[in-house]
Amino acid sequence: MTLVQDRGRTGYQQLGVSVSGAVDSDALDIGNRLVGNDPNAAGIEVMLGGLEIEFTRPTVVAITGADPGATLDGVPVATNVSYVAHDGAVMRLGMIASGLRAYVSLAGGIKTDQILNSRSTHVASEIGGIAGRALAQGDELELGESTSDVVSGTLFENEDFAIAGGDLTVRVVLGPQDDEFSAAGIETLVNSTYTVSDQSNRQGLRLDGPVIESKSGRYDIISDAVVNGSVQVPGDGKPIILLADRQTTGGYAKIATVSTIDLPKLGQASPGTRISFEVISVEQAQDLLVTKNQMIQDSELVQVVESMVVRVDDEDVAVGVAEKEDIRLAAIDGDIYPISVEEYSPAE
């Protein structure tokens, strides 16, 4: 399930076309910022890890979302930092220890064919990406032209977007069919903890936990529209949270809708994750979303390496090195590469 994804195929649900797009949209947005892309540029969504990429031209690249313990030519690279991969370089993503999905963003974005104004892969309908399927060994991905001002060596360090792992509290707005449920049913949703089932996928998270009581004992309704974050309650009384690859309509009553600000958290919720719900108002949800979007777009990208100019073979070369926690970088004429450091001399 390594997929080409952008922000989704919006505007076609009335025709039965799923939106799809990155499940952790925050991670994709941050990656596109780091490599100088338009917010709608497509990247690679990698579930659990295990991807290997060979670059055939110098490319600025960043990994965001869950940390897959990636390396570039065998040298460790950190998440939320932009690097230069040279022609012939190989990036390998290991297995994700916390969270579920990592995102690889590349300067210029991935240029697969657009289907209904999006490059997002929707496997069930076989559209988008490469032939509407997950990436396979030997696939070649064309990149668009990067902007002239794209730089490497920038760090997005806002801790509010770190992959938390562990238990999640998800904010919801009740409705649109909360009136189909008894007061006890509403109380069960709000005061219980549910566990993400291994039957979950990009279409939705199936939750195990207490049964939510409906007023009539029935849970089906005349089918109507569903959205990203709709909390459906099917006949077994256990909620399903619909996600990016959801269908466009559903026939189960929807007790609540997840606030958009918390949807990316659910994209990182692996089986076994415990989820509890907190009810907020529509106005609160809107204010939280505006604030979050401003944080992603306005957070300063930190230039990690300060360079100095040295003379090499009668030419001026700007060089520098830096270490920040687990990030170790070297700069050569503005291009930033990961480095491995075993010993410093002189020792501090």
Protein backbone atom coordinates (compact mmCIF):
# COMPACT_ATOMS: atom_id res chain seq x y z
CA MET A 1 0.00 0.00 0.00
CA THR A 2 2.59 2.53 -1.16
CA LEU A 3 0.45 5.04 -3.06
CA VAL A 4 0.71 8.30 -4.99
CA GLN A 5 -1.50 10.77 -3.11
CA ASP A 6 -2.28 14.48 -3.15
CA ARG A 7 -5.00 16.37 -1.27
CA GLY A 8 -7.77 14.40 -2.98
CA ARG A 9 -10.31 14.35 -5.79
CA THR A 10 -12.82 16.92 -4.53
CA GLY A 11 -16.04 18.01 -6.23
CA TYR A 12 -17.22 14.68 -7.64
CA GLN A 13 -18.98 12.89 -4.78
CA GLN A 14 -22.37 13.60 -6.35
CA LEU A 15 -21.17 11.35 -9.19
CA GLY A 16 -20.16 8.57 -6.79
CA VAL A 17 -16.40 9.33 -6.97
CA SER A 18 -14.51 8.96 -3.70
CA VAL A 19 -12.29 11.84 -2.63
CA SER A 20 -9.27 9.70 -1.61
CA GLY A 21 -6.06 11.72 -0.98
CA ALA A 22 -3.50 11.57 1.82
CA VAL A 23 -4.96 10.16 5.03
CA ASP A 24 -2.53 12.23 7.10
CA SER A 25 -2.95 15.48 5.17
CA ASP A 26 -0.87 17.42 7.72
CA ALA A 27 2.19 15.29 6.94
CA LEU A 28 1.78 15.83 3.19
CA ASP A 29 1.29 19.59 3.67
CA ILE A 30 4.46 19.82 5.77
CA GLY A 31 6.42 17.76 3.25
CA ASN A 32 5.33 19.99 0.37
CA ARG A 33 6.40 23.07 2.34
CA LEU A 34 9.83 21.58 3.03
CA VAL A 35 10.56 20.87 -0.64
CA GLY A 36 9.03 24.10 -1.99
CA ASN A 37 5.96 22.56 -3.64
CA ASP A 38 2.45 23.85 -4.15
CA PRO A 39 0.17 22.45 -1.38
CA ASN A 40 -1.69 20.38 -3.98
CA ALA A 41 1.44 18.58 -5.23
CA ALA A 42 1.41 14.77 -5.08
CA GLY A 43 3.78 12.75 -2.91
CA ILE A 44 4.17 9.12 -1.87
CA GLU A 45 2.19 7.66 1.03
CA VAL A 46 3.98 4.66 2.54
CA MET A 47 2.13 2.37 4.94
CA LEU A 48 4.36 0.61 7.50
CA GLY A 49 7.57 1.25 5.50
CA GLY A 50 9.80 -0.95 3.39
CA LEU A 51 10.09 1.35 0.35
CA GLU A 52 13.28 1.76 -1.70
CA ILE A 53 13.74 4.67 -4.13
CA GLU A 54 16.57 5.25 -6.61
CA PHE A 55 16.99 8.85 -7.81
CA THR A 56 17.90 9.48 -11.43
CA ARG A 57 18.52 13.21 -11.03
CA PRO A 58 19.47 15.51 -8.14
CA THR A 59 16.30 15.99 -6.09
CA VAL A 60 15.29 17.75 -2.88
CA VAL A 61 13.39 15.25 -0.73
CA ALA A 62 11.74 15.19 2.70
CA ILE A 63 10.10 12.47 4.80
CA THR A 64 7.22 13.43 7.08
CA GLY A 65 4.59 11.66 9.15
CA ALA A 66 5.62 8.49 10.97
CA ASP A 67 9.37 7.85 11.21
CA PRO A 68 10.45 4.87 9.08
CA GLY A 69 14.13 5.06 10.10
CA ALA A 70 15.09 6.03 6.55
CA THR A 71 18.60 6.15 5.10
CA LEU A 72 20.07 7.91 2.06
CA ASP A 73 22.99 5.93 0.65
CA GLY A 74 23.17 4.19 4.00
CA VAL A 75 23.28 7.40 6.05
CA PRO A 76 20.35 8.01 8.46
CA VAL A 77 17.94 10.82 7.57
CA ALA A 78 15.48 12.46 9.95
CA THR A 79 11.82 13.29 9.41
CA ASN A 80 10.70 16.88 8.76
CA VAL A 81 14.03 17.89 7.16
CA SER A 82 14.74 18.52 3.47
CA TYR A 83 17.83 16.88 1.92
CA VAL A 84 19.46 16.66 -1.49
CA ALA A 85 19.57 13.21 -3.11
CA HIS A 86 22.11 13.12 -5.93
CA ASP A 87 21.78 11.24 -9.22
CA GLY A 88 22.05 7.54 -8.41
CA ALA A 89 21.37 7.93 -4.68
CA VAL A 90 19.21 5.28 -3.00
CA MET A 91 16.77 6.04 -0.19
CA ARG A 92 15.50 3.16 1.92
CA LEU A 93 12.62 3.32 4.37
CA GLY A 94 12.67 0.78 7.20
CA MET A 95 9.67 -0.31 9.21
CA ILE A 96 7.61 2.24 11.12
CA ALA A 97 7.70 1.74 14.88
CA SER A 98 5.13 4.35 15.96
CA GLY A 99 2.24 5.48 13.78
CA LEU A 100 1.27 3.94 10.47
CA ARG A 101 2.13 6.10 7.45
CA ALA A 102 5.19 8.01 6.24
CA TYR A 103 5.14 10.50 3.36
CA VAL A 104 7.91 11.13 0.83
CA SER A 105 7.71 14.59 -0.76
CA LEU A 106 9.89 15.47 -3.73
CA ALA A 107 10.63 18.89 -5.21
CA GLY A 108 8.38 19.41 -8.22
CA GLY A 109 5.84 16.83 -7.06
CA ILE A 110 4.96 13.56 -8.77
CA LYS A 111 3.58 14.02 -12.28
CA THR A 112 1.32 11.09 -12.96
CA ASP A 113 -1.73 11.80 -15.12
CA GLN A 114 -4.47 13.79 -13.46
CA ILE A 115 -7.85 12.05 -13.25
CA LEU A 116 -10.67 14.46 -12.38
CA ASN A 117 -8.16 17.11 -11.26
CA SER A 118 -6.22 14.84 -8.92
CA ARG A 119 -3.32 12.38 -9.02
CA SER A 120 -4.52 10.53 -5.90
CA THR A 121 -4.69 6.75 -6.12
CA HIS A 122 -8.04 5.14 -5.35
CA VAL A 123 -7.36 1.41 -5.57
CA ALA A 124 -11.00 0.24 -5.42
CA SER A 125 -11.96 2.17 -8.56
CA GLU A 126 -8.49 1.80 -10.18
CA ILE A 127 -7.97 5.50 -10.87
CA GLY A 128 -5.11 7.90 -10.20
CA GLY A 129 -1.45 7.26 -9.45
CA ILE A 130 -0.02 4.56 -11.72
CA ALA A 131 -2.90 2.60 -13.28
CA GLY A 132 -4.92 3.09 -10.10
CA ARG A 133 -2.80 0.64 -8.10
CA ALA A 134 -0.19 0.57 -5.38
CA LEU A 135 3.38 1.12 -6.51
CA ALA A 136 5.35 -1.97 -7.50
CA GLN A 137 9.01 -2.80 -7.99
CA GLY A 138 10.43 -1.15 -11.10
CA ASP A 139 7.87 1.68 -11.33
CA GLU A 140 9.29 4.97 -12.59
CA LEU A 141 7.84 8.24 -11.34
CA GLU A 142 8.26 11.47 -13.26
CA LEU A 143 8.71 14.67 -11.27
CA GLY A 144 7.55 18.16 -12.18
CA GLU A 145 9.83 21.16 -12.36
CA SER A 146 10.79 22.50 -8.95
CA THR A 147 10.65 26.19 -8.15
CA SER A 148 13.87 28.16 -8.43
CA ASP A 149 13.85 29.10 -4.74
CA VAL A 150 13.61 25.55 -3.32
CA VAL A 151 16.31 24.94 -0.72
CA SER A 152 17.45 21.92 1.23
CA GLY A 153 18.48 21.78 4.86
CA THR A 154 15.27 23.28 6.22
CA LEU A 155 13.60 21.88 9.32
CA PHE A 156 9.94 21.98 10.34
CA GLU A 157 10.14 21.73 14.12
CA ASN A 158 6.64 22.54 15.39
CA GLU A 159 6.07 19.87 18.05
CA ASP A 160 2.29 20.21 17.72
CA PHE A 161 2.50 17.98 14.63
CA ALA A 162 4.65 15.21 16.09
CA ILE A 163 3.29 11.67 15.75
CA ALA A 164 2.00 11.04 19.25
CA GLY A 165 1.45 7.28 19.26
CA GLY A 166 -0.49 5.69 22.12
CA ASP A 167 -4.04 6.62 23.07
CA LEU A 168 -5.92 9.30 21.10
CA THR A 169 -8.61 11.77 22.10
CA VAL A 170 -10.62 12.68 19.02
CA ARG A 171 -12.87 15.74 18.93
CA VAL A 172 -16.27 15.28 17.28
CA VAL A 173 -19.38 17.26 16.45
CA LEU A 174 -22.57 15.32 17.17
CA GLY A 175 -24.76 14.49 14.19
CA PRO A 176 -26.15 14.56 11.63
CA GLN A 177 -28.26 11.62 12.91
CA ASP A 178 -27.51 11.76 16.63
CA ASP A 179 -31.27 11.97 17.20
CA GLU A 180 -31.49 8.31 16.10
CA PHE A 181 -29.62 7.31 19.26
CA SER A 182 -30.79 7.17 22.86
CA ALA A 183 -29.32 9.38 25.57
CA ALA A 184 -27.57 6.27 26.88
CA GLY A 185 -26.13 5.66 23.42
CA ILE A 186 -24.72 9.19 23.23
CA GLU A 187 -23.28 8.79 26.73
CA THR A 188 -21.65 5.50 25.70
CA LEU A 189 -19.89 7.18 22.77
CA VAL A 190 -18.61 10.07 24.87
CA ASN A 191 -17.58 8.14 27.99
CA SER A 192 -16.12 4.96 26.48
CA THR A 193 -12.77 3.99 25.02
CA TYR A 194 -12.66 2.11 21.71
CA THR A 195 -9.86 0.13 20.10
CA VAL A 196 -8.90 0.27 16.40
CA SER A 197 -9.55 -3.13 14.82
CA ASP A 198 -7.22 -4.91 12.40
CA GLN A 199 -10.10 -4.77 9.90
CA SER A 200 -9.37 -1.05 9.36
CA ASN A 201 -7.99 0.51 6.17
CA ARG A 202 -7.96 3.76 4.17
CA GLN A 203 -11.75 3.51 3.82
CA GLY A 204 -12.36 3.59 7.55
CA LEU A 205 -11.41 2.59 11.08
CA ARG A 206 -13.51 -0.17 12.61
CA LEU A 207 -13.63 0.23 16.37
CA ASP A 208 -14.11 -2.44 19.03
CA GLY A 209 -15.77 -1.48 22.30
CA PRO A 210 -19.15 -0.93 23.99
CA VAL A 211 -22.31 -1.13 21.87
CA ILE A 212 -23.99 2.22 21.16
CA GLU A 213 -27.73 2.03 21.74
CA SER A 214 -30.16 3.40 19.15
CA LYS A 215 -33.66 4.53 20.07
CA SER A 216 -35.45 2.02 17.86
CA GLY A 217 -32.97 -0.86 17.98
CA ARG A 218 -32.29 -0.25 14.27
CA TYR A 219 -29.29 1.52 12.79
CA ASP A 220 -30.12 1.75 9.10
CA ILE A 221 -31.41 4.92 7.43
CA ILE A 222 -32.21 5.98 3.88
CA SER A 223 -28.75 6.34 2.34
CA ASP A 224 -27.36 9.84 2.35
CA ALA A 225 -24.00 11.57 1.97
CA VAL A 226 -20.99 10.74 4.13
CA VAL A 227 -17.86 12.83 4.68
CA ASN A 228 -14.30 12.32 5.86
CA GLY A 229 -14.71 11.61 9.57
CA SER A 230 -18.34 10.45 9.56
CA VAL A 231 -18.88 8.14 12.54
CA GLN A 232 -21.30 5.49 11.31
CA VAL A 233 -22.87 2.95 13.65
CA PRO A 234 -23.82 -0.28 11.82
CA GLY A 235 -26.05 -3.08 13.06
CA ASP A 236 -23.59 -4.41 15.64
CA GLY A 237 -23.66 -1.03 17.42
CA LYS A 238 -19.90 -0.47 17.16
CA PRO A 239 -18.71 2.69 15.41
CA ILE A 240 -16.81 2.99 12.14
CA ILE A 241 -14.94 6.23 11.38
CA LEU A 242 -14.90 6.84 7.62
CA LEU A 243 -11.63 8.11 6.10
CA ALA A 244 -10.17 9.23 2.76
CA ASP A 245 -11.24 6.26 0.58
CA ARG A 246 -14.77 6.20 1.97
CA GLN A 247 -17.79 5.59 -0.22
CA THR A 248 -19.84 8.68 -1.08
CA THR A 249 -23.11 7.60 0.59
CA GLY A 250 -24.04 5.33 3.45
CA GLY A 251 -27.12 3.68 4.91
CA TYR A 252 -26.12 3.63 8.59
CA ALA A 253 -26.95 6.39 11.05
CA LYS A 254 -24.06 8.76 11.74
CA ILE A 255 -23.86 9.62 15.42
CA ALA A 256 -21.05 12.18 15.01
CA THR A 257 -18.45 13.66 12.68
CA VAL A 258 -14.76 13.92 13.53
CA SER A 259 -13.43 17.48 13.57
CA THR A 260 -11.16 18.02 10.56
CA ILE A 261 -8.25 18.98 12.81
CA ASP A 262 -8.10 15.44 14.21
CA LEU A 263 -8.45 13.47 10.96
CA PRO A 264 -4.66 13.27 10.38
CA LYS A 265 -4.28 11.60 13.80
CA LEU A 266 -6.59 8.85 12.61
CA GLY A 267 -4.40 8.35 9.54
CA GLN A 268 -1.65 7.28 11.95
CA ALA A 269 -3.85 5.08 14.17
CA SER A 270 -2.60 1.51 13.87
CA PRO A 271 -4.59 -1.53 15.05
CA GLY A 272 -4.70 -1.60 18.84
CA THR A 273 -4.77 2.19 19.19
CA ARG A 274 -7.26 3.25 21.88
CA ILE A 275 -9.60 6.12 20.95
CA SER A 276 -11.90 8.23 23.12
CA PHE A 277 -14.23 10.99 21.93
CA GLU A 278 -14.75 14.58 23.07
CA VAL A 279 -17.76 16.57 21.86
CA ILE A 280 -17.16 20.14 20.63
CA SER A 281 -19.26 22.65 18.69
CA VAL A 282 -19.11 23.39 14.96
CA GLU A 283 -17.69 26.83 15.76
CA GLN A 284 -14.93 25.34 17.90
CA ALA A 285 -14.06 22.86 15.16
CA GLN A 286 -13.84 25.64 12.58
CA ASP A 287 -11.64 27.83 14.80
CA LEU A 288 -9.29 24.93 15.56
CA LEU A 289 -8.93 24.15 11.85
CA VAL A 290 -8.15 27.74 10.89
CA THR A 291 -5.51 27.92 13.62
CA LYS A 292 -3.91 24.63 12.58
CA ASN A 293 -3.75 25.55 8.89
CA GLN A 294 -2.11 28.86 9.78
CA MET A 295 0.46 27.03 11.91
CA ILE A 296 1.44 24.73 9.02
CA GLN A 297 1.74 27.57 6.53
CA ASP A 298 3.25 30.19 8.86
CA SER A 299 5.63 28.11 11.00
CA GLU A 300 9.16 29.19 10.22
CA LEU A 301 11.31 26.66 8.40
CA VAL A 302 14.61 26.61 10.26
CA GLN A 303 17.83 26.64 8.25
CA VAL A 304 19.89 24.15 10.23
CA VAL A 305 23.39 24.67 8.78
CA GLU A 306 25.36 27.91 8.86
CA SER A 307 27.97 27.86 6.11
CA MET A 308 31.35 29.50 5.74
CA VAL A 309 33.32 30.08 2.55
CA VAL A 310 36.63 28.28 2.03
CA ARG A 311 39.02 28.35 -0.90
CA VAL A 312 39.45 25.02 -2.72
CA ASP A 313 41.57 24.80 -5.89
CA ASP A 314 41.20 28.54 -6.47
CA GLU A 315 37.42 28.38 -6.11
CA ASP A 316 35.21 29.61 -3.27
CA VAL A 317 33.15 26.81 -1.74
CA ALA A 318 30.49 27.34 0.96
CA VAL A 319 30.63 24.51 3.49
CA GLY A 320 29.18 23.82 6.92
CA VAL A 321 28.11 21.06 9.29
CA ALA A 322 25.46 20.96 11.99
CA GLU A 323 23.98 18.63 14.56
CA LYS A 324 20.55 19.07 16.15
CA GLU A 325 19.37 16.18 18.28
CA ASP A 326 19.32 13.20 15.86
CA ILE A 327 19.84 15.39 12.77
CA ARG A 328 23.38 15.56 11.34
CA LEU A 329 23.92 17.58 8.20
CA ALA A 330 26.66 18.83 5.91
CA ALA A 331 26.25 21.74 3.48
CA ILE A 332 28.22 22.09 0.24
CA ASP A 333 27.39 25.15 -1.86
CA GLY A 334 23.87 25.27 -0.48
CA ASP A 335 23.02 21.60 -0.95
CA ILE A 336 22.35 19.70 2.27
CA TYR A 337 23.34 16.07 2.75
CA PRO A 338 22.93 13.73 5.71
CA ILE A 339 26.17 12.66 7.37
CA SER A 340 27.10 9.97 9.85
CA VAL A 341 29.33 11.12 12.73
CA GLU A 342 31.08 8.65 15.03
CA GLU A 343 33.69 10.89 16.60
CA TYR A 344 34.41 14.60 16.93
CA SER A 345 37.91 16.05 16.97
CA PRO A 346 38.86 17.86 19.05
CA ALA A 347 36.60 16.35 21.69
CA GLU A 348 34.58 18.79 23.75
